[in-house]
Amino acid sequence: EEDFINEIALDTLGNVFVAGRTASTNFPTTTGAYQGTFKGLYWDNFVSKLNSGLTSLLASTYFGGSGDDYPVTVPAPTTFLDSSNNVYIAGYTNSTDLPTTTDAYQGTFGGGAVDVFVSKLNSTLTTLLASTYLGGNGADYISSKYLDGSGNVFVAAFSTSTNFPTTAGAYQGTNAGGTYDAVIAKLNSGLTSLLGSTYLGTTLEDRSRVIITDTIGNIYV
């Protein structure tokens, strides 16, 4: 079936990590993979790790629930590996049973059409270290994510939700209306805490596409 790569990164040893989505029920996975079988309605996410010569599949896993799970559409100009080569993936999903972890910021599906999700796997793709939904009562789509040097995860999204999670003192705490408002959010490395989140929009349609930070943590979208 169809298989699409959305992100690629190299670790310090030159191993190649790729992430994307697949409709294949026989996508290559490895022994001990976190999720060895396809669970989706049509799409599951996947993460795979190849050696530098692309001759050996070192690790590979599906990741998803019983609905459809889509990865980020516009990867930001950064890797999706932290300093320990843990793998951060993100996307949007209509699965109400996407795997989350015990202390996740948002352990359950927020409702509506789709929610954003952010998840963290170990470098061998055998263990889910952290995973959370992020969404409200409407349709919440992620465009891009960015991982800073401390492992904080920045998300650029757009939403029809009137109750997308925002934080105290946010620049724009409520949805301004229109079809979509852009949303900017920041999660800690363990995906247990929402460090910052704001809508950013007008009464018309507003969608964020790419997110990046500078050396002192200012966010550009």
Protein backbone atom coordinates (compact mmCIF):
# COMPACT_ATOMS: atom_id res chain seq x y z
CA GLU A 1 0.00 0.00 0.00
CA GLU A 2 1.00 3.67 0.21
CA ASP A 3 3.98 4.70 2.38
CA PHE A 4 5.05 8.33 2.86
CA ILE A 5 8.08 9.77 4.67
CA ASN A 6 7.61 13.15 6.35
CA GLU A 7 10.76 13.53 8.48
CA ILE A 8 14.36 12.39 8.33
CA ALA A 9 17.27 12.82 10.75
CA LEU A 10 20.76 11.45 11.43
CA ASP A 11 22.08 10.50 14.86
CA THR A 12 25.71 11.04 15.89
CA LEU A 13 26.68 7.62 14.49
CA GLY A 14 25.17 8.33 11.10
CA ASN A 15 22.15 6.09 11.58
CA VAL A 16 19.13 7.34 9.65
CA PHE A 17 15.76 7.86 11.30
CA VAL A 18 12.66 8.37 9.17
CA ALA A 19 9.05 8.95 10.17
CA GLY A 20 5.87 9.10 8.17
CA ARG A 21 2.58 7.39 7.54
CA THR A 22 1.63 4.10 5.94
CA ALA A 23 -1.43 2.20 4.79
CA SER A 24 0.57 -1.04 4.55
CA THR A 25 -0.27 -3.90 6.89
CA ASN A 26 3.13 -5.45 6.08
CA PHE A 27 5.35 -2.40 6.60
CA PRO A 28 8.74 -3.69 7.87
CA THR A 29 9.00 -3.77 11.66
CA THR A 30 11.68 -5.26 13.90
CA THR A 31 11.66 -7.69 16.81
CA GLY A 32 10.64 -5.94 20.02
CA ALA A 33 9.14 -2.95 18.22
CA TYR A 34 6.84 -0.85 20.37
CA GLN A 35 3.95 -1.59 17.98
CA GLY A 36 4.62 -4.45 15.64
CA THR A 37 1.29 -4.51 13.81
CA PHE A 38 -0.93 -2.12 11.91
CA LYS A 39 -3.86 -0.82 13.97
CA GLY A 40 -5.30 2.01 11.89
CA LEU A 41 -8.47 2.35 9.89
CA TYR A 42 -6.42 3.34 6.83
CA TRP A 43 -3.29 5.17 8.09
CA ASP A 44 -0.81 4.50 10.90
CA ASN A 45 2.33 6.47 11.64
CA PHE A 46 5.68 4.68 11.52
CA VAL A 47 9.25 5.35 12.66
CA SER A 48 12.24 3.45 11.27
CA LYS A 49 16.00 3.45 11.90
CA LEU A 50 18.54 2.32 9.28
CA ASN A 51 22.31 2.04 9.48
CA SER A 52 24.43 4.64 7.70
CA GLY A 53 24.94 2.38 4.68
CA LEU A 54 21.19 1.75 4.39
CA THR A 55 21.89 -1.99 4.34
CA SER A 56 20.24 -2.91 7.64
CA LEU A 57 16.93 -2.03 9.34
CA LEU A 58 18.01 -1.49 12.94
CA ALA A 59 14.58 -0.66 14.35
CA SER A 60 11.10 -0.01 13.01
CA THR A 61 7.65 0.38 14.53
CA TYR A 62 4.14 1.42 13.71
CA PHE A 63 2.53 4.03 15.94
CA GLY A 64 -1.17 4.68 16.06
CA GLY A 65 -4.66 3.81 17.20
CA SER A 66 -7.74 2.28 15.62
CA GLY A 67 -8.60 5.40 13.62
CA ASP A 68 -6.38 7.30 11.20
CA ASP A 69 -3.12 8.88 12.33
CA TYR A 70 -1.23 11.45 10.27
CA PRO A 71 2.26 12.92 10.87
CA VAL A 72 3.24 16.58 10.70
CA THR A 73 2.93 17.96 7.18
CA VAL A 74 5.67 20.62 7.27
CA PRO A 75 8.72 19.54 9.31
CA ALA A 76 10.61 22.50 10.73
CA PRO A 77 14.32 22.91 9.96
CA THR A 78 15.52 20.73 12.83
CA THR A 79 15.94 17.07 13.68
CA PHE A 80 13.32 15.15 15.61
CA LEU A 81 15.94 13.53 17.85
CA ASP A 82 16.98 14.82 21.27
CA SER A 83 20.50 14.61 22.70
CA SER A 84 19.91 10.98 23.77
CA ASN A 85 18.53 10.06 20.33
CA ASN A 86 15.02 9.70 21.68
CA VAL A 87 12.56 10.21 18.85
CA TYR A 88 9.79 12.80 18.97
CA ILE A 89 6.94 12.37 16.51
CA ALA A 90 3.82 14.47 16.17
CA GLY A 91 0.72 14.59 14.05
CA TYR A 92 -3.04 14.62 14.21
CA THR A 93 -5.44 11.77 14.76
CA ASN A 94 -9.06 10.75 15.02
CA SER A 95 -8.10 7.68 17.05
CA THR A 96 -9.64 7.81 20.51
CA ASP A 97 -7.26 5.05 21.63
CA LEU A 98 -3.93 6.48 20.47
CA PRO A 99 -1.32 5.35 23.05
CA THR A 100 -0.69 7.91 25.77
CA THR A 101 1.41 7.66 28.91
CA THR A 102 0.27 7.75 32.53
CA ASP A 103 1.23 11.33 33.32
CA ALA A 104 0.52 12.78 29.87
CA TYR A 105 -0.60 16.41 29.75
CA GLN A 106 -3.83 15.31 28.02
CA GLY A 107 -4.44 11.59 28.28
CA THR A 108 -7.72 11.43 26.37
CA PHE A 109 -9.09 12.54 23.03
CA GLY A 110 -10.48 16.07 23.19
CA GLY A 111 -13.41 15.49 20.84
CA GLY A 112 -14.33 16.88 17.46
CA ALA A 113 -12.83 15.66 14.22
CA VAL A 114 -9.12 15.29 15.07
CA ASP A 115 -6.67 16.11 17.87
CA VAL A 116 -2.97 16.92 17.72
CA PHE A 117 -0.69 14.35 19.35
CA VAL A 118 2.97 14.44 20.39
CA SER A 119 4.86 11.26 21.31
CA LYS A 120 8.39 10.27 22.37
CA LEU A 121 10.01 6.87 21.75
CA ASN A 122 13.41 5.57 22.81
CA SER A 123 16.18 5.26 20.23
CA THR A 124 15.55 1.55 19.65
CA LEU A 125 11.83 2.20 19.08
CA THR A 126 10.88 -0.40 21.67
CA THR A 127 9.47 1.83 24.42
CA LEU A 128 6.98 4.70 24.49
CA LEU A 129 8.56 7.22 26.86
CA ALA A 130 5.87 9.90 26.65
CA SER A 131 2.75 10.58 24.63
CA THR A 132 -0.10 13.08 24.83
CA TYR A 133 -3.08 14.39 22.94
CA LEU A 134 -3.42 18.14 22.54
CA GLY A 135 -6.80 19.36 21.39
CA GLY A 136 -10.28 20.61 22.05
CA ASN A 137 -13.84 20.18 20.86
CA GLY A 138 -13.24 20.89 17.19
CA ALA A 139 -10.71 19.96 14.53
CA ASP A 140 -7.07 20.46 15.59
CA TYR A 141 -4.40 20.02 12.92
CA ILE A 142 -0.64 20.23 13.45
CA SER A 143 1.49 21.72 10.69
CA SER A 144 4.95 21.65 12.20
CA LYS A 145 6.91 20.94 15.36
CA TYR A 146 10.29 22.09 16.65
CA LEU A 147 12.51 20.54 19.31
CA ASP A 148 14.82 22.89 21.19
CA GLY A 149 18.08 22.04 22.95
CA SER A 150 16.30 21.28 26.23
CA GLY A 151 13.86 18.90 24.59
CA ASN A 152 10.90 21.25 24.80
CA VAL A 153 8.48 20.67 21.95
CA PHE A 154 7.00 23.62 20.05
CA VAL A 155 3.89 23.01 17.97
CA ALA A 156 2.40 25.08 15.17
CA ALA A 157 -1.21 24.12 14.57
CA PHE A 158 -4.58 25.43 13.45
CA SER A 159 -7.89 24.76 15.10
CA THR A 160 -11.66 25.19 14.99
CA SER A 161 -11.88 24.34 18.71
CA THR A 162 -13.25 26.96 21.06
CA ASN A 163 -11.52 25.27 24.00
CA PHE A 164 -8.07 24.39 22.65
CA PRO A 165 -5.81 24.33 25.74
CA THR A 166 -4.23 27.74 26.37
CA THR A 167 -2.16 28.96 29.29
CA ALA A 168 -2.55 31.80 31.78
CA GLY A 169 -1.48 35.11 30.30
CA ALA A 170 -1.56 33.80 26.73
CA TYR A 171 -1.31 36.46 24.04
CA GLN A 172 -4.74 35.37 22.72
CA GLY A 173 -6.67 33.14 25.07
CA THR A 174 -9.76 32.56 22.93
CA ASN A 175 -10.60 31.58 19.36
CA ALA A 176 -11.25 34.73 17.33
CA GLY A 177 -13.63 32.96 14.96
CA GLY A 178 -13.55 32.18 11.27
CA THR A 179 -12.88 28.71 9.93
CA TYR A 180 -9.53 28.22 11.71
CA ASP A 181 -7.32 30.09 14.13
CA ALA A 182 -3.61 29.39 14.29
CA VAL A 183 -2.39 27.89 17.57
CA ILE A 184 1.13 28.00 19.02
CA ALA A 185 1.96 25.65 21.91
CA LYS A 186 5.00 24.57 23.94
CA LEU A 187 5.25 21.30 25.90
CA ASN A 188 8.01 20.13 28.22
CA SER A 189 10.27 17.26 27.18
CA GLY A 190 8.27 14.71 29.18
CA LEU A 191 5.00 15.87 27.54
CA THR A 192 3.47 16.21 30.99
CA SER A 193 3.13 19.99 31.12
CA LEU A 194 1.87 22.68 28.76
CA LEU A 195 4.42 25.45 29.23
CA GLY A 196 2.72 27.94 26.94
CA SER A 197 -0.14 28.01 24.46
CA THR A 198 -2.01 30.71 22.57
CA TYR A 199 -4.38 31.17 19.71
CA LEU A 200 -3.18 33.54 17.00
CA GLY A 201 -5.86 34.63 14.57
CA THR A 202 -8.61 36.89 13.34
CA THR A 203 -12.27 36.53 12.38
CA LEU A 204 -11.16 35.08 9.04
CA GLU A 205 -9.12 31.91 8.39
CA ASP A 206 -5.62 31.71 9.92
CA ARG A 207 -3.27 28.72 9.65
CA SER A 208 0.28 28.48 10.97
CA ARG A 209 2.73 26.47 8.87
CA VAL A 210 6.30 26.43 10.24
CA ILE A 211 7.68 27.07 13.72
CA ILE A 212 11.24 27.71 14.92
CA THR A 213 12.93 29.40 17.89
CA ASP A 214 16.02 31.57 18.14
CA THR A 215 18.90 31.14 20.57
CA ILE A 216 17.07 32.94 23.40
CA GLY A 217 13.79 31.12 22.95
CA ASN A 218 11.74 33.60 20.95
CA ILE A 219 9.27 31.78 18.69
CA TYR A 220 8.78 32.50 15.01
CA VAL A 221 5.86 31.14 13.01
